[in-house]
Amino acid sequence: MRSRFTAFALGDVDHLRASWHPTTRPDRLDLDPGTRWYRLDIESVSAGGLLDSSGEVVFRAHHRSADGRGVLSERSRFVREHGRWFYLDGVVG
């Protein structure tokens, strides 16, 4: 989760796509260069431990843009395959 937030903050589309599960990964990913992501608050984590094959993270990501400050709240699901974690999907809320 933290590496994906950092990738959003740095505009690293390659990392975002590589860490996205192939079954849900979009064909194209366009980031808004006018949005600056500056803080990540992890609110809760469910599973996702060393022996788990899936996990869930609830977070709040803070950003600034020409429209002002904003917060993205999401419950994200992750799966581990071959020792690597992948973002599966999320519900914004």
C-alpha atoms as a PDB file:
ATOM      1  CA  MET A   1       0.000   0.000   0.000  1.00  0.00           C
ATOM      2  CA  ARG A   2       2.716   2.462   0.938  1.00  0.00           C
ATOM      3  CA  SER A   3       4.703   1.769  -2.225  1.00  0.00           C
ATOM      4  CA  ARG A   4       1.601   2.441  -4.332  1.00  0.00           C
ATOM      5  CA  PHE A   5       0.969   5.729  -2.517  1.00  0.00           C
ATOM      6  CA  THR A   6       4.595   6.713  -3.132  1.00  0.00           C
ATOM      7  CA  ALA A   7       4.180   5.787  -6.801  1.00  0.00           C
ATOM      8  CA  PHE A   8       1.128   8.062  -7.031  1.00  0.00           C
ATOM      9  CA  ALA A   9       3.085  10.851  -5.319  1.00  0.00           C
ATOM     10  CA  LEU A  10       6.016  10.454  -7.730  1.00  0.00           C
ATOM     11  CA  GLY A  11       3.917   9.804 -10.827  1.00  0.00           C
ATOM     12  CA  ASP A  12       5.443   6.335 -11.256  1.00  0.00           C
ATOM     13  CA  VAL A  13       2.873   4.735 -13.574  1.00  0.00           C
ATOM     14  CA  ASP A  14       5.149   1.740 -14.241  1.00  0.00           C
ATOM     15  CA  HIS A  15       5.168   0.754 -10.552  1.00  0.00           C
ATOM     16  CA  LEU A  16       1.428   1.268 -10.223  1.00  0.00           C
ATOM     17  CA  ARG A  17       0.735  -0.995 -13.194  1.00  0.00           C
ATOM     18  CA  ALA A  18       3.273  -3.624 -12.041  1.00  0.00           C
ATOM     19  CA  SER A  19       1.689  -3.763  -8.569  1.00  0.00           C
ATOM     20  CA  TRP A  20      -1.866  -4.017  -9.955  1.00  0.00           C
ATOM     21  CA  HIS A  21      -3.307  -7.516 -10.354  1.00  0.00           C
ATOM     22  CA  PRO A  22      -3.458  -8.462 -14.063  1.00  0.00           C
ATOM     23  CA  THR A  23      -7.165  -9.360 -13.857  1.00  0.00           C
ATOM     24  CA  THR A  24      -8.167  -5.834 -12.780  1.00  0.00           C
ATOM     25  CA  ARG A  25      -5.313  -3.704 -14.149  1.00  0.00           C
ATOM     26  CA  PRO A  26      -6.514  -0.988 -16.534  1.00  0.00           C
ATOM     27  CA  ASP A  27      -5.072  -0.936 -20.035  1.00  0.00           C
ATOM     28  CA  ARG A  28      -4.083   2.669 -19.549  1.00  0.00           C
ATOM     29  CA  LEU A  29      -3.392   4.797 -16.490  1.00  0.00           C
ATOM     30  CA  ASP A  30      -3.261   8.584 -16.734  1.00  0.00           C
ATOM     31  CA  LEU A  31      -2.264  10.493 -13.606  1.00  0.00           C
ATOM     32  CA  ASP A  32      -3.146  14.147 -13.109  1.00  0.00           C
ATOM     33  CA  PRO A  33       0.164  16.034 -12.971  1.00  0.00           C
ATOM     34  CA  GLY A  34      -1.604  18.872 -11.148  1.00  0.00           C
ATOM     35  CA  THR A  35      -2.451  16.681  -8.161  1.00  0.00           C
ATOM     36  CA  ARG A  36       0.153  16.461  -5.391  1.00  0.00           C
ATOM     37  CA  TRP A  37      -0.266  13.509  -2.995  1.00  0.00           C
ATOM     38  CA  TYR A  38       1.381  14.386   0.304  1.00  0.00           C
ATOM     39  CA  ARG A  39       0.097  12.189   3.155  1.00  0.00           C
ATOM     40  CA  LEU A  40      -1.148   8.651   3.686  1.00  0.00           C
ATOM     41  CA  ASP A  41      -3.065   7.577   6.787  1.00  0.00           C
ATOM     42  CA  ILE A  42      -3.614   3.844   7.210  1.00  0.00           C
ATOM     43  CA  GLU A  43      -6.831   3.468   9.216  1.00  0.00           C
ATOM     44  CA  SER A  44      -7.013  -0.316   9.430  1.00  0.00           C
ATOM     45  CA  VAL A  45      -5.464  -3.501   8.102  1.00  0.00           C
ATOM     46  CA  SER A  46      -7.181  -6.867   7.924  1.00  0.00           C
ATOM     47  CA  ALA A  47      -5.074  -9.976   7.232  1.00  0.00           C
ATOM     48  CA  GLY A  48      -2.155  -9.384   4.871  1.00  0.00           C
ATOM     49  CA  GLY A  49       0.348 -11.047   7.195  1.00  0.00           C
ATOM     50  CA  LEU A  50       3.252 -13.300   6.380  1.00  0.00           C
ATOM     51  CA  LEU A  51       1.119 -16.407   5.899  1.00  0.00           C
ATOM     52  CA  ASP A  52      -1.933 -14.726   4.326  1.00  0.00           C
ATOM     53  CA  SER A  53      -2.811 -14.822   0.634  1.00  0.00           C
ATOM     54  CA  SER A  54      -5.065 -11.771   0.800  1.00  0.00           C
ATOM     55  CA  GLY A  55      -5.529  -8.631   2.818  1.00  0.00           C
ATOM     56  CA  GLU A  56      -7.473  -5.421   3.081  1.00  0.00           C
ATOM     57  CA  VAL A  57      -6.338  -1.890   3.872  1.00  0.00           C
ATOM     58  CA  VAL A  58      -8.528   1.095   4.717  1.00  0.00           C
ATOM     59  CA  PHE A  59      -6.709   4.369   4.113  1.00  0.00           C
ATOM     60  CA  ARG A  60      -7.035   8.103   3.602  1.00  0.00           C
ATOM     61  CA  ALA A  61      -4.746   9.744   1.046  1.00  0.00           C
ATOM     62  CA  HIS A  62      -4.425  13.520   1.196  1.00  0.00           C
ATOM     63  CA  HIS A  63      -3.786  15.636  -1.876  1.00  0.00           C
ATOM     64  CA  ARG A  64      -3.662  19.160  -3.216  1.00  0.00           C
ATOM     65  CA  SER A  65      -4.633  20.418  -6.640  1.00  0.00           C
ATOM     66  CA  ALA A  66      -5.710  23.634  -8.310  1.00  0.00           C
ATOM     67  CA  ASP A  67      -9.133  23.024  -6.740  1.00  0.00           C
ATOM     68  CA  GLY A  68      -7.651  22.946  -3.235  1.00  0.00           C
ATOM     69  CA  ARG A  69      -7.087  20.175  -0.703  1.00  0.00           C
ATOM     70  CA  GLY A  70      -8.828  16.832  -0.840  1.00  0.00           C
ATOM     71  CA  VAL A  71      -8.905  13.391   0.721  1.00  0.00           C
ATOM     72  CA  LEU A  72      -9.419  10.035  -0.962  1.00  0.00           C
ATOM     73  CA  SER A  73     -10.793   7.360   1.359  1.00  0.00           C
ATOM     74  CA  GLU A  74     -10.687   3.771   0.137  1.00  0.00           C
ATOM     75  CA  ARG A  75     -11.004   0.174   1.300  1.00  0.00           C
ATOM     76  CA  SER A  76      -8.487  -1.697  -0.877  1.00  0.00           C
ATOM     77  CA  ARG A  77      -8.142  -5.428  -1.423  1.00  0.00           C
ATOM     78  CA  PHE A  78      -4.784  -7.061  -2.105  1.00  0.00           C
ATOM     79  CA  VAL A  79      -3.776 -10.605  -3.047  1.00  0.00           C
ATOM     80  CA  ARG A  80      -0.407 -12.307  -2.746  1.00  0.00           C
ATOM     81  CA  GLU A  81       0.762 -14.480  -5.631  1.00  0.00           C
ATOM     82  CA  HIS A  82       4.190 -16.098  -5.864  1.00  0.00           C
ATOM     83  CA  GLY A  83       5.362 -14.051  -2.877  1.00  0.00           C
ATOM     84  CA  ARG A  84       4.292 -10.667  -4.291  1.00  0.00           C
ATOM     85  CA  TRP A  85       1.390  -8.469  -3.228  1.00  0.00           C
ATOM     86  CA  PHE A  86      -0.924  -7.045  -5.895  1.00  0.00           C
ATOM     87  CA  TYR A  87      -3.656  -4.434  -5.641  1.00  0.00           C
ATOM     88  CA  LEU A  88      -6.895  -6.139  -6.656  1.00  0.00           C
ATOM     89  CA  ASP A  89      -9.559  -3.458  -6.281  1.00  0.00           C
ATOM     90  CA  GLY A  90     -11.025  -0.919  -3.921  1.00  0.00           C
ATOM     91  CA  VAL A  91     -14.183   0.802  -2.808  1.00  0.00           C
ATOM     92  CA  VAL A  92     -13.991   4.559  -2.471  1.00  0.00           C
ATOM     93  CA  GLY A  93     -15.981   5.920   0.381  1.00  0.00           C
END
